[in-house]
Amino acid sequence: MEVEFKPDLELYIQPDDWKAIFNTFLQPGTPLFSTKELELSEKLNLELYPTISDLSKLAKIAYSTFADAKEQLTKLSLTDYKLICKAEKGPFHAFVLFREGSLSEKRHRQLIIAFKGSASPEDIEADLQGIANNQKTPQLNLACSFALQVLEFVKMDTLSDPLQLIITGHSLVRNTVMQC
């Protein structure tokens, strides 16, 4: 059974000009790098992804308000990441962040969607029921339709170099969204 996700018109995305902000990040920028990252990536011939620690910190930020998230990025030593927008409705919260590429050409620009985890036993039960029964729950619909909306916007970006999509969060919904 295929589930169709429909955008929720009541999903609040802030700031209001998030698409304009998003567009500025999609333009080719100045790659960033650290000497340590460059040396390691060249020795191991690896593309640089966020560390597990960074991903868990980014997921933690999903619990913040939009205003507090910028401060949290600095406090958690995540200054390479730039906040684009936050989407929320009821218990659903997600942030979209951006990280510039590196001069080493081992790390492309990265777009990160960080989801807040389930906040209550009722949310967890709904997530499990939805997954076990292959049903669309309201939170799953919000998460997938928001992720698809972001991806649709990214598809319009044909001028720039590759962009990695990274999804993180403390939730079963995050795992399911990765399959959308």
Protein backbone atom coordinates (compact mmCIF):
# COMPACT_ATOMS: atom_id res chain seq x y z
CA MET A 1 0.00 0.00 0.00
CA GLU A 2 1.42 3.37 -0.98
CA VAL A 3 0.75 6.25 1.37
CA GLU A 4 0.27 9.71 -0.10
CA PHE A 5 1.60 12.60 1.95
CA LYS A 6 -0.28 15.88 1.73
CA PRO A 7 1.16 19.21 2.83
CA ASP A 8 -0.45 20.46 6.01
CA LEU A 9 -1.48 24.07 5.44
CA GLU A 10 -1.38 24.70 9.19
CA LEU A 11 2.32 23.77 9.44
CA TYR A 12 4.05 26.91 10.67
CA ILE A 13 7.45 27.55 9.07
CA GLN A 14 9.55 30.40 10.41
CA PRO A 15 10.90 32.81 9.47
CA ASP A 16 8.29 33.83 6.90
CA ASP A 17 10.97 34.46 4.27
CA TRP A 18 12.53 31.00 4.69
CA LYS A 19 12.51 30.30 0.95
CA ALA A 20 14.52 33.46 0.24
CA ILE A 21 16.98 32.52 2.99
CA PHE A 22 17.16 29.00 1.62
CA ASN A 23 17.87 30.35 -1.85
CA THR A 24 20.89 32.32 -0.60
CA PHE A 25 22.40 29.12 0.77
CA LEU A 26 21.80 27.28 -2.49
CA GLN A 27 23.96 29.76 -4.39
CA PRO A 28 27.61 28.74 -4.81
CA GLY A 29 29.53 30.03 -1.82
CA THR A 30 32.99 30.03 -0.41
CA PRO A 31 33.95 26.55 0.75
CA LEU A 32 35.15 26.18 4.32
CA PHE A 33 37.63 23.73 5.73
CA SER A 34 39.83 23.01 8.67
CA THR A 35 43.39 21.79 8.26
CA LYS A 36 42.63 18.79 10.48
CA GLU A 37 39.62 17.77 8.35
CA LEU A 38 41.58 18.26 5.14
CA GLU A 39 44.51 16.12 6.30
CA LEU A 40 42.26 13.35 7.59
CA SER A 41 40.06 13.28 4.50
CA GLU A 42 43.09 13.09 2.21
CA LYS A 43 44.77 10.33 4.23
CA LEU A 44 41.64 8.20 4.38
CA ASN A 45 40.22 9.28 1.02
CA LEU A 46 36.87 9.96 2.68
CA GLU A 47 34.12 12.43 2.09
CA LEU A 48 33.44 14.40 5.24
CA TYR A 49 30.09 13.94 6.92
CA PRO A 50 28.96 15.40 10.22
CA THR A 51 30.19 13.37 13.17
CA ILE A 52 27.74 11.32 15.22
CA SER A 53 28.29 13.86 17.99
CA ASP A 54 27.38 16.74 15.64
CA LEU A 55 24.26 14.92 14.42
CA SER A 56 23.11 14.28 17.97
CA LYS A 57 23.71 17.94 18.89
CA LEU A 58 21.74 19.05 15.82
CA ALA A 59 18.87 16.76 16.83
CA LYS A 60 18.98 18.31 20.30
CA ILE A 61 18.57 21.76 18.74
CA ALA A 62 15.23 20.60 17.28
CA TYR A 63 13.82 20.98 20.82
CA SER A 64 14.72 24.72 20.83
CA THR A 65 12.78 27.74 19.72
CA PHE A 66 13.90 29.39 16.49
CA ALA A 67 15.46 32.28 18.41
CA ASP A 68 17.30 29.96 20.82
CA ALA A 69 18.56 27.65 18.06
CA LYS A 70 21.08 30.20 16.76
CA GLU A 71 22.50 30.58 20.26
CA GLN A 72 22.57 26.79 20.68
CA LEU A 73 24.65 26.38 17.51
CA THR A 74 27.34 28.59 19.03
CA LYS A 75 27.06 27.05 22.51
CA LEU A 76 27.40 23.52 21.08
CA SER A 77 30.39 24.49 18.86
CA LEU A 78 28.43 24.01 15.63
CA THR A 79 29.28 27.34 14.00
CA ASP A 80 29.78 25.69 10.57
CA TYR A 81 26.03 25.07 10.46
CA LYS A 82 23.63 27.85 9.48
CA LEU A 83 19.98 27.81 10.45
CA ILE A 84 17.55 28.15 7.55
CA CYS A 85 14.13 27.54 9.07
CA LYS A 86 12.01 25.77 11.65
CA ALA A 87 8.71 24.00 11.01
CA GLU A 88 6.27 23.24 13.80
CA LYS A 89 2.73 22.18 14.54
CA GLY A 90 1.73 20.73 17.88
CA PRO A 91 4.33 18.18 18.96
CA PHE A 92 6.04 18.20 15.54
CA HIS A 93 9.21 20.30 15.26
CA ALA A 94 11.97 20.23 12.64
CA PHE A 95 14.87 22.45 11.67
CA VAL A 96 16.63 22.80 8.34
CA LEU A 97 20.31 23.68 8.55
CA PHE A 98 23.03 24.23 5.97
CA ARG A 99 26.77 23.54 6.00
CA GLU A 100 29.06 24.87 3.29
CA GLY A 101 31.37 22.53 1.38
CA SER A 102 35.09 22.26 1.95
CA LEU A 103 38.04 23.25 -0.19
CA SER A 104 39.27 19.67 0.02
CA GLU A 105 36.46 18.68 -2.38
CA LYS A 106 35.87 15.77 -0.03
CA ARG A 107 32.84 17.39 1.58
CA HIS A 108 30.04 18.77 -0.54
CA ARG A 109 27.53 21.29 0.73
CA GLN A 110 25.20 19.68 3.25
CA LEU A 111 21.54 20.21 3.97
CA ILE A 112 20.46 18.79 7.31
CA ILE A 113 16.88 18.23 8.43
CA ALA A 114 16.78 17.66 12.20
CA PHE A 115 13.60 16.29 13.74
CA LYS A 116 12.53 16.57 17.36
CA GLY A 117 11.79 13.24 18.98
CA SER A 118 8.46 12.01 20.23
CA ALA A 119 7.57 14.05 23.29
CA SER A 120 5.14 11.79 25.11
CA PRO A 121 4.19 8.12 25.49
CA GLU A 122 1.13 8.84 23.32
CA ASP A 123 3.37 10.16 20.50
CA ILE A 124 5.62 7.10 20.73
CA GLU A 125 2.62 4.77 20.66
CA ALA A 126 1.17 6.59 17.63
CA ASP A 127 4.54 6.37 15.84
CA LEU A 128 4.82 2.63 16.56
CA GLN A 129 1.23 1.95 15.51
CA GLY A 130 1.73 3.88 12.29
CA ILE A 131 4.90 2.01 11.42
CA ALA A 132 3.61 -1.44 12.50
CA ASN A 133 0.36 -1.00 10.56
CA ASN A 134 1.87 0.90 7.64
CA GLN A 135 -0.41 3.82 8.41
CA LYS A 136 0.10 7.51 8.03
CA THR A 137 0.00 9.28 11.37
CA PRO A 138 -0.41 13.07 11.65
CA GLN A 139 3.19 13.49 12.84
CA LEU A 140 4.51 11.23 10.08
CA ASN A 141 2.50 13.18 7.49
CA LEU A 142 3.95 16.46 8.80
CA ALA A 143 7.50 15.10 8.80
CA CYS A 144 7.36 13.56 5.33
CA SER A 145 5.44 16.37 3.68
CA PHE A 146 7.86 18.93 5.18
CA ALA A 147 10.91 16.93 4.06
CA LEU A 148 9.40 16.54 0.58
CA GLN A 149 8.63 20.29 0.45
CA VAL A 150 12.27 21.05 1.27
CA LEU A 151 13.47 18.56 -1.35
CA GLU A 152 11.15 20.04 -3.96
CA PHE A 153 12.68 23.45 -3.30
CA VAL A 154 16.19 21.99 -3.56
CA LYS A 155 15.34 20.40 -6.95
CA MET A 156 14.96 23.91 -8.37
CA ASP A 157 18.65 24.50 -7.58
CA THR A 158 20.39 23.53 -10.79
CA LEU A 159 23.25 26.04 -10.72
CA SER A 160 25.38 24.76 -7.91
CA ASP A 161 27.59 21.84 -7.03
CA PRO A 162 26.32 18.67 -5.31
CA LEU A 163 24.32 18.94 -2.13
CA GLN A 164 24.15 16.13 0.43
CA LEU A 165 20.90 15.61 2.30
CA ILE A 166 21.32 14.42 5.87
CA ILE A 167 18.36 13.56 8.11
CA THR A 168 18.78 13.27 11.88
CA GLY A 169 16.66 13.30 15.00
CA HIS A 170 15.55 11.48 18.12
CA SER A 171 12.48 9.82 16.73
CA LEU A 172 10.97 6.87 14.92
CA VAL A 173 9.54 9.46 12.53
CA ARG A 174 13.10 10.38 11.46
CA ASN A 175 13.73 6.77 10.50
CA THR A 176 10.54 6.63 8.49
CA VAL A 177 11.14 9.98 6.77
CA MET A 178 14.42 8.62 5.48
CA GLN A 179 12.33 6.17 3.46
CA CYS A 180 10.08 8.86 1.95
